[in-house]
Amino acid sequence: APDGIASYHVMNSPQRHLRRAREAEEQAATDLKRLKTSFLEKVIPKTIVREQCNPTSKLERSVRALEFNHLPGNCGNLFATIGGDFATVYDDEHFGDHVAVVCQFKNEATDHTKGGDLTAVCWVDPSGYTAHELGDATLAVAGGDDNAVQVISVADGRVVSLMKGHTSSILAIAAGSSEGKHPERLVSLDAAGNAVVWNWRTQAKLGAFQVGDAIALAVKPDGSGVYTGHKGGFVKAWTLPESLDEIPEKGIALGVVCHGKNPVDCLRVTPGKLFS
């Protein structure tokens, strides 16, 4: 269940006690840099989880992506994985030395989608959208035989939004948050270089633009722009106008980013920073 449902366990969880112990060590430390480095020496596996995936091939058995929920709200205890045609949501805070499966979604063929392997995942911000009293967490997954984007309610355990329009395999998806003006914006990138902007709450396609040989994608938290990572080792920045009647035609290559000839296959954005 979302974090807010288990407030008692949060107050008394082993993780809370560990945080207090770390804070006490920081306050007593004379060499903070050395202390933080020593923390890495104490890292141990918390739990080893064997994913439930379609075992017909090695590719389908692998965990393709893992995403922590860093959105505003009370669900920071959740992370999600995709592998094969499964998406799984875990809680890593309320069960001591273990993680627990909160929700699992199998992308089966239905009257609405063709099913198939999932290729991309991201969390989307349900602030102002969910009707649940204690809040909800919403996970977007993409892929399958019809290249669909689906948004899953963790509280309900069902698909609440479905978007179609891609004709090529979806490589990446990313979304804005309630920290900005456009938590409803979700951008999907396909293998043909098409970036599509959606309103995931209304399932409406807002626009699309061509990003060339991009293979990675990140959206600014306020939904005002997009970063794309390219096969040639560079990153481009794209500005999304307040009104998407005018879709960007060109991206600006960021000269300070250089990966040689290595493809940029992962991008992450935090306030004021871009990681590639």
Protein backbone atom coordinates (compact mmCIF):
# COMPACT_ATOMS: atom_id res chain seq x y z
CA ALA A 1 0.00 0.00 0.00
CA PRO A 2 1.15 3.62 -0.38
CA ASP A 3 3.42 4.93 2.37
CA GLY A 4 0.70 6.98 4.06
CA ILE A 5 -1.33 3.87 4.89
CA ALA A 6 1.45 2.54 7.08
CA SER A 7 2.47 5.59 9.08
CA TYR A 8 2.89 3.59 12.30
CA HIS A 9 5.34 1.24 10.64
CA VAL A 10 7.24 4.19 9.15
CA MET A 11 7.74 5.72 12.61
CA ASN A 12 9.07 2.42 14.00
CA SER A 13 10.72 0.87 10.97
CA PRO A 14 14.30 -0.44 11.09
CA GLN A 15 15.16 2.06 8.36
CA ARG A 16 14.09 4.94 10.59
CA HIS A 17 16.37 3.67 13.37
CA LEU A 18 19.24 3.31 10.91
CA ARG A 19 18.75 6.86 9.69
CA ARG A 20 18.89 8.15 13.26
CA ALA A 21 22.10 6.19 13.88
CA ARG A 22 23.66 7.64 10.71
CA GLU A 23 22.63 11.17 11.72
CA ALA A 24 24.26 10.67 15.11
CA GLU A 25 27.47 9.47 13.47
CA GLU A 26 27.50 12.52 11.17
CA GLN A 27 27.09 14.91 14.08
CA ALA A 28 29.95 13.25 15.98
CA ALA A 29 32.29 12.98 13.00
CA THR A 30 35.35 15.22 12.65
CA ASP A 31 36.00 14.18 9.02
CA LEU A 32 32.64 14.15 7.26
CA LYS A 33 34.11 13.20 3.87
CA ARG A 34 35.86 10.17 5.33
CA LEU A 35 32.70 9.20 7.20
CA LYS A 36 30.58 9.23 4.04
CA THR A 37 33.20 7.17 2.21
CA SER A 38 33.21 4.61 5.02
CA PHE A 39 29.44 4.16 4.63
CA LEU A 40 30.09 2.47 1.30
CA GLU A 41 32.16 -0.17 3.10
CA LYS A 42 29.07 -1.10 5.12
CA VAL A 43 26.77 -1.69 2.15
CA ILE A 44 25.35 -5.23 2.11
CA PRO A 45 22.63 -6.85 -0.02
CA LYS A 46 19.30 -6.28 1.69
CA THR A 47 17.32 -8.79 -0.31
CA ILE A 48 17.77 -10.77 -3.51
CA VAL A 49 14.55 -10.98 -5.49
CA ARG A 50 13.96 -13.36 -8.36
CA GLU A 51 11.65 -11.61 -10.79
CA GLN A 52 8.64 -13.40 -12.20
CA CYS A 53 9.14 -13.01 -15.95
CA ASN A 54 8.21 -14.94 -19.04
CA PRO A 55 11.04 -17.52 -19.31
CA THR A 56 10.93 -18.17 -23.05
CA SER A 57 14.23 -16.36 -23.68
CA LYS A 58 17.18 -14.87 -21.78
CA LEU A 59 16.12 -11.40 -22.89
CA GLU A 60 12.68 -11.80 -21.39
CA ARG A 61 14.14 -13.10 -18.11
CA SER A 62 16.33 -10.03 -17.61
CA VAL A 63 15.28 -6.99 -15.58
CA ARG A 64 15.18 -4.34 -18.28
CA ALA A 65 14.76 -1.25 -16.08
CA LEU A 66 14.38 -0.18 -12.45
CA GLU A 67 12.88 3.14 -11.33
CA PHE A 68 12.58 4.61 -7.84
CA ASN A 69 9.66 6.90 -7.09
CA HIS A 70 11.23 10.32 -6.46
CA LEU A 71 8.04 12.31 -7.06
CA PRO A 72 6.53 14.60 -4.41
CA GLY A 73 4.19 12.87 -1.99
CA ASN A 74 4.34 9.98 0.43
CA CYS A 75 5.25 7.08 -1.86
CA GLY A 76 9.04 7.39 -1.89
CA ASN A 77 9.20 3.88 -0.41
CA LEU A 78 8.25 2.37 -3.78
CA PHE A 79 10.36 1.26 -6.72
CA ALA A 80 9.38 -0.57 -9.89
CA THR A 81 10.97 -2.94 -12.38
CA ILE A 82 10.07 -4.26 -15.80
CA GLY A 83 11.18 -7.53 -17.34
CA GLY A 84 9.53 -9.47 -20.13
CA ASP A 85 5.83 -8.67 -20.06
CA PHE A 86 5.78 -8.01 -16.29
CA ALA A 87 5.96 -4.79 -14.26
CA THR A 88 6.46 -5.17 -10.51
CA VAL A 89 6.19 -2.53 -7.76
CA TYR A 90 8.10 -3.08 -4.51
CA ASP A 91 8.14 -1.51 -1.03
CA ASP A 92 11.66 -1.40 0.44
CA GLU A 93 10.93 0.46 3.70
CA HIS A 94 8.32 -1.29 5.82
CA PHE A 95 9.59 -4.86 5.98
CA GLY A 96 12.94 -4.72 7.75
CA ASP A 97 15.61 -6.62 5.83
CA HIS A 98 13.18 -7.55 3.07
CA VAL A 99 11.35 -5.90 0.22
CA ALA A 100 7.73 -6.73 -0.48
CA VAL A 101 5.77 -6.95 -3.72
CA VAL A 102 3.05 -4.31 -3.62
CA CYS A 103 1.61 -4.69 -7.12
CA GLN A 104 2.33 -6.74 -10.23
CA PHE A 105 1.09 -6.12 -13.75
CA LYS A 106 1.27 -8.58 -16.63
CA ASN A 107 0.89 -7.03 -20.07
CA GLU A 108 -1.53 -9.57 -21.46
CA ALA A 109 -3.62 -9.22 -24.59
CA THR A 110 -7.02 -7.66 -23.87
CA ASP A 111 -9.79 -5.96 -25.80
CA HIS A 112 -7.72 -2.76 -25.49
CA THR A 113 -4.10 -3.85 -26.07
CA LYS A 114 -2.21 -6.65 -27.79
CA GLY A 115 0.07 -7.40 -24.82
CA GLY A 116 3.77 -8.24 -25.14
CA ASP A 117 7.13 -7.28 -23.67
CA LEU A 118 7.48 -3.96 -21.86
CA THR A 119 10.37 -1.73 -22.94
CA ALA A 120 10.15 1.44 -20.80
CA VAL A 121 8.89 2.58 -17.39
CA CYS A 122 8.57 5.79 -15.36
CA TRP A 123 6.54 7.13 -12.44
CA VAL A 124 3.92 9.80 -13.13
CA ASP A 125 2.59 12.29 -10.59
CA PRO A 126 -1.04 11.65 -9.53
CA SER A 127 -1.35 14.86 -7.48
CA GLY A 128 -4.76 16.37 -8.17
CA TYR A 129 -5.74 13.33 -10.23
CA THR A 130 -6.31 10.48 -7.81
CA ALA A 131 -9.51 10.32 -5.75
CA HIS A 132 -8.00 8.05 -3.09
CA GLU A 133 -8.19 9.55 0.38
CA LEU A 134 -4.65 8.46 1.32
CA GLY A 135 -3.17 9.11 -2.10
CA ASP A 136 -1.91 6.80 -4.81
CA ALA A 137 1.18 6.01 -6.84
CA THR A 138 0.90 5.80 -10.61
CA LEU A 139 3.33 3.95 -12.85
CA ALA A 140 3.61 4.34 -16.62
CA VAL A 141 4.82 1.37 -18.67
CA ALA A 142 5.32 1.21 -22.43
CA GLY A 143 5.87 -1.36 -25.12
CA GLY A 144 4.06 -4.48 -26.21
CA ASP A 145 3.07 -5.58 -29.68
CA ASP A 146 1.10 -2.37 -30.27
CA ASN A 147 3.67 0.07 -28.75
CA ALA A 148 1.18 1.37 -26.20
CA VAL A 149 1.76 3.52 -23.11
CA GLN A 150 -0.28 2.44 -20.08
CA VAL A 151 -0.58 4.10 -16.67
CA ILE A 152 -1.24 1.79 -13.71
CA SER A 153 -2.79 2.80 -10.39
CA VAL A 154 -0.89 1.00 -7.62
CA ALA A 155 -3.77 1.46 -5.18
CA ASP A 156 -6.32 0.00 -7.61
CA GLY A 157 -4.00 -2.47 -9.31
CA ARG A 158 -5.39 -1.62 -12.75
CA VAL A 159 -4.73 0.46 -15.87
CA VAL A 160 -6.25 3.94 -15.58
CA SER A 161 -4.90 5.49 -18.79
CA LEU A 162 -4.00 4.11 -22.23
CA MET A 163 -2.25 5.93 -25.07
CA LYS A 164 -1.54 4.64 -28.57
CA GLY A 165 0.06 6.15 -31.65
CA HIS A 166 3.63 4.87 -31.99
CA THR A 167 4.42 2.64 -34.95
CA SER A 168 7.95 1.77 -33.78
CA SER A 169 9.22 0.20 -30.57
CA ILE A 170 9.19 2.60 -27.60
CA LEU A 171 12.68 3.16 -26.17
CA ALA A 172 11.97 5.51 -23.26
CA ILE A 173 9.26 7.44 -21.42
CA ALA A 174 9.48 10.28 -18.90
CA ALA A 175 7.09 12.71 -17.22
CA GLY A 176 6.83 16.01 -15.36
CA SER A 177 5.81 16.42 -11.71
CA SER A 178 3.55 18.56 -9.54
CA GLU A 179 6.59 20.70 -8.66
CA GLY A 180 5.93 22.44 -11.99
CA LYS A 181 2.97 23.53 -14.07
CA HIS A 182 2.62 20.35 -16.11
CA PRO A 183 2.44 17.13 -14.08
CA GLU A 184 0.12 15.79 -16.78
CA ARG A 185 2.80 15.81 -19.50
CA LEU A 186 4.37 12.50 -20.46
CA VAL A 187 6.84 12.14 -23.33
CA SER A 188 7.56 8.88 -25.15
CA LEU A 189 10.45 8.19 -27.54
CA ASP A 190 10.41 5.50 -30.21
CA ALA A 191 13.06 3.79 -32.35
CA ALA A 192 12.18 5.94 -35.39
CA GLY A 193 13.20 9.10 -33.50
CA ASN A 194 9.68 10.32 -32.79
CA ALA A 195 9.07 12.05 -29.46
CA VAL A 196 5.37 12.24 -28.61
CA VAL A 197 3.96 14.50 -25.91
CA TRP A 198 0.85 13.19 -24.15
CA ASN A 199 -1.55 14.37 -21.49
CA TRP A 200 -1.62 11.06 -19.64
CA ARG A 201 -4.59 12.13 -17.53
CA THR A 202 -6.87 12.70 -20.51
CA GLN A 203 -5.06 10.23 -22.81
CA ALA A 204 -4.77 13.02 -25.40
CA LYS A 205 -1.83 13.35 -27.81
CA LEU A 206 -0.60 16.94 -27.50
CA GLY A 207 2.01 16.89 -30.25
CA ALA A 208 5.13 15.20 -31.63
CA PHE A 209 8.57 16.15 -32.92
CA GLN A 210 11.55 14.37 -34.52
CA VAL A 211 14.70 13.85 -32.41
CA GLY A 212 16.89 11.88 -34.81
CA ASP A 213 18.99 9.05 -33.40
CA ALA A 214 18.00 9.63 -29.76
CA ILE A 215 17.86 6.55 -27.53
CA ALA A 216 17.35 8.11 -24.07
CA LEU A 217 14.94 10.68 -22.69
CA ALA A 218 14.36 12.84 -19.63
CA VAL A 219 11.74 15.49 -18.88
CA LYS A 220 12.36 18.55 -16.73
CA PRO A 221 10.42 18.26 -13.45
CA ASP A 222 8.27 21.28 -14.38
CA GLY A 223 7.40 19.76 -17.75
CA SER A 224 8.83 22.73 -19.66
CA GLY A 225 11.51 20.86 -21.55
CA VAL A 226 12.99 17.57 -22.70
CA TYR A 227 16.54 16.20 -22.85
CA THR A 228 17.48 13.48 -25.34
CA GLY A 229 20.59 11.27 -25.32
CA HIS A 230 21.95 10.25 -28.72
CA LYS A 231 23.92 7.43 -30.29
CA GLY A 232 26.69 9.86 -31.24
CA GLY A 233 27.57 10.62 -27.60
CA PHE A 234 25.83 13.97 -27.19
CA VAL A 235 22.77 15.35 -25.42
CA LYS A 236 20.19 17.76 -26.81
CA ALA A 237 17.85 20.09 -24.94
CA TRP A 238 14.35 20.81 -26.23
CA THR A 239 12.02 23.50 -24.93
CA LEU A 240 8.32 22.70 -24.81
CA PRO A 241 6.17 25.83 -25.17
CA GLU A 242 3.44 26.61 -22.66
CA SER A 243 0.97 25.85 -25.43
CA LEU A 244 1.92 22.87 -27.52
CA ASP A 245 0.42 24.41 -30.65
CA GLU A 246 4.04 25.16 -31.53
CA ILE A 247 6.13 22.00 -31.25
CA PRO A 248 9.92 22.52 -31.15
CA GLU A 249 11.66 22.02 -34.48
CA LYS A 250 15.26 21.93 -33.30
CA GLY A 251 17.08 20.77 -30.20
CA ILE A 252 20.14 22.57 -28.83
CA ALA A 253 23.21 20.36 -28.46
CA LEU A 254 24.74 20.83 -25.01
CA GLY A 255 28.41 21.51 -25.70
CA VAL A 256 29.50 20.72 -22.13
CA VAL A 257 28.33 17.12 -22.47
CA CYS A 258 30.74 14.78 -24.22
CA HIS A 259 30.81 10.98 -24.18
CA GLY A 260 33.11 10.52 -27.14
CA LYS A 261 31.60 8.01 -29.53
CA ASN A 262 29.75 6.18 -26.77
CA PRO A 263 25.94 6.33 -26.99
CA VAL A 264 24.16 8.25 -24.24
CA ASP A 265 21.70 5.59 -23.13
CA CYS A 266 20.57 7.01 -19.78
CA LEU A 267 19.53 10.49 -18.61
CA ARG A 268 18.27 11.71 -15.23
CA VAL A 269 17.17 15.20 -14.17
CA THR A 270 17.12 16.70 -10.67
CA PRO A 271 16.42 20.36 -9.85
CA GLY A 272 19.24 22.30 -11.50
CA LYS A 273 21.21 19.23 -12.64
CA LEU A 274 21.30 16.83 -15.58
CA PHE A 275 23.07 13.46 -15.34
CA SER A 276 24.04 11.51 -18.48
